[in-house]
Structures are given as structure tokens and as C-alpha cells.
């Protein structure tokens, strides 16, 4: 079966979470249909509070085979590592 509708990536934020997590993909004619289909497919048990959909063709990713050259420049910038910062105990989400 060939589906000519665009492929959408679906991200759900759970009731307990602060961030959206990728949960899967689906085909839909437009963004509104993708959100409605995502609701039906990925939040059947009312576990989500927010849905994001992104048409797959608009997602650009790095190549895992090139990870060493991509992340190497960060190794010489030790100030980017969080070990130098003291966070207050009352700060819960960082």
C-alpha cells in the first residue's frame, strides 16, 4: 500500500513531563489531521497534555557516523560542562 499523504513525526508531552518526547510517525493530509490522528493513536489513555507534529521533510539531523568531528570542538571548552556550576537545592528542573 502506497500512502501519498505526508509523513509527520509526533511528539507528546506527558502529564508528568516537562519536555515533549518523540513517540512515532503517521501519515496525514495536513497538520490538523496529524494532531487529531496523533491524539487517537498515541494518547488513548489520556496520558498527554500537549501534542506537537512536524512534517518529516522539515527535520534535519546530523549523521551519527560524523559524531566525533561534530562534537570534538566542544571538548576544549570546559566552561560548557555543568560541573563548574553550583545549583541551589530548591532548583528542581535544570
Protein backbone atom coordinates (compact mmCIF):
# COMPACT_ATOMS: atom_id res chain seq x y z
CA UNK A 1 0.00 0.00 0.00
CA UNK A 2 1.40 3.38 -1.03
CA UNK A 3 0.35 6.39 1.01
CA UNK A 4 0.74 9.72 -0.79
CA UNK A 5 0.00 11.81 2.31
CA UNK A 6 2.99 13.47 4.02
CA UNK A 7 4.73 11.69 6.89
CA UNK A 8 4.55 13.50 10.26
CA UNK A 9 6.69 12.96 13.35
CA UNK A 10 4.71 13.04 16.60
CA UNK A 11 5.92 14.39 19.96
CA UNK A 12 3.87 14.11 23.16
CA UNK A 13 4.35 15.88 26.48
CA UNK A 14 3.10 13.67 29.30
CA UNK A 15 1.33 14.95 32.39
CA UNK A 16 4.46 14.33 34.45
CA UNK A 17 6.97 15.55 31.88
CA UNK A 18 8.44 18.93 31.10
CA UNK A 19 9.53 18.07 27.58
CA UNK A 20 7.97 16.53 24.51
CA UNK A 21 9.13 13.01 23.60
CA UNK A 22 9.09 11.51 20.12
CA UNK A 23 6.51 8.74 20.13
CA UNK A 24 6.21 7.80 16.47
CA UNK A 25 5.18 8.77 12.97
CA UNK A 26 1.98 8.84 10.96
CA UNK A 27 0.63 9.92 7.59
CA UNK A 28 -1.88 12.77 7.37
CA UNK A 29 -3.05 15.29 4.78
CA UNK A 30 -2.31 18.35 6.95
CA UNK A 31 -1.15 19.42 10.42
CA UNK A 32 -4.63 19.48 11.97
CA UNK A 33 -5.36 15.96 10.79
CA UNK A 34 -1.93 14.86 12.04
CA UNK A 35 -2.70 16.25 15.51
CA UNK A 36 -6.10 14.56 15.59
CA UNK A 37 -4.67 11.24 14.40
CA UNK A 38 -1.81 11.52 16.90
CA UNK A 39 -4.33 12.09 19.69
CA UNK A 40 -6.23 8.96 18.64
CA UNK A 41 -3.15 6.77 18.15
CA UNK A 42 -0.69 7.94 20.82
CA UNK A 43 -2.82 9.29 23.70
CA UNK A 44 -5.60 6.73 24.01
CA UNK A 45 -5.23 6.61 27.79
CA UNK A 46 -5.26 10.41 28.24
CA UNK A 47 -1.55 10.40 29.09
CA UNK A 48 -0.67 13.53 27.13
CA UNK A 49 -1.18 17.23 27.75
CA UNK A 50 0.38 18.56 24.55
CA UNK A 51 0.97 17.22 21.04
CA UNK A 52 3.49 18.50 18.53
CA UNK A 53 3.57 17.30 14.92
CA UNK A 54 6.30 18.14 12.44
CA UNK A 55 6.27 17.18 8.80
CA UNK A 56 9.21 14.79 8.47
CA UNK A 57 10.68 16.56 5.45
CA UNK A 58 11.41 19.59 7.67
CA UNK A 59 13.53 17.66 10.16
CA UNK A 60 17.26 17.79 9.57
CA UNK A 61 19.60 15.59 11.56
CA UNK A 62 23.30 15.09 11.97
CA UNK A 63 24.90 11.90 10.73
CA UNK A 64 25.84 9.57 13.62
CA UNK A 65 28.93 8.49 11.68
CA UNK A 66 30.21 12.09 11.90
CA UNK A 67 29.63 12.49 15.65
CA UNK A 68 33.32 12.68 16.52
CA UNK A 69 34.00 15.65 14.27
CA UNK A 70 30.73 17.32 15.22
CA UNK A 71 31.30 17.18 18.98
CA UNK A 72 35.11 17.40 19.12
CA UNK A 73 35.21 21.22 19.19
CA UNK A 74 33.23 21.23 22.46
CA UNK A 75 35.87 19.20 24.32
CA UNK A 76 38.25 22.16 24.60
CA UNK A 77 35.58 24.42 26.11
CA UNK A 78 35.41 23.10 29.66
CA UNK A 79 33.20 26.00 30.74
CA UNK A 80 30.39 24.36 28.79
CA UNK A 81 30.32 21.43 31.18
CA UNK A 82 27.93 21.90 34.11
CA UNK A 83 30.42 20.64 36.69
CA UNK A 84 31.58 24.22 37.35
CA UNK A 85 28.19 25.48 38.48
CA UNK A 86 26.65 25.08 41.90
CA UNK A 87 22.88 24.94 41.76
CA UNK A 88 20.68 25.72 44.74
CA UNK A 89 18.96 22.71 46.32
CA UNK A 90 15.50 24.22 45.74
CA UNK A 91 16.09 24.26 41.96
CA UNK A 92 14.26 21.15 40.76
CA UNK A 93 14.41 21.22 36.95
CA UNK A 94 17.67 22.15 35.29
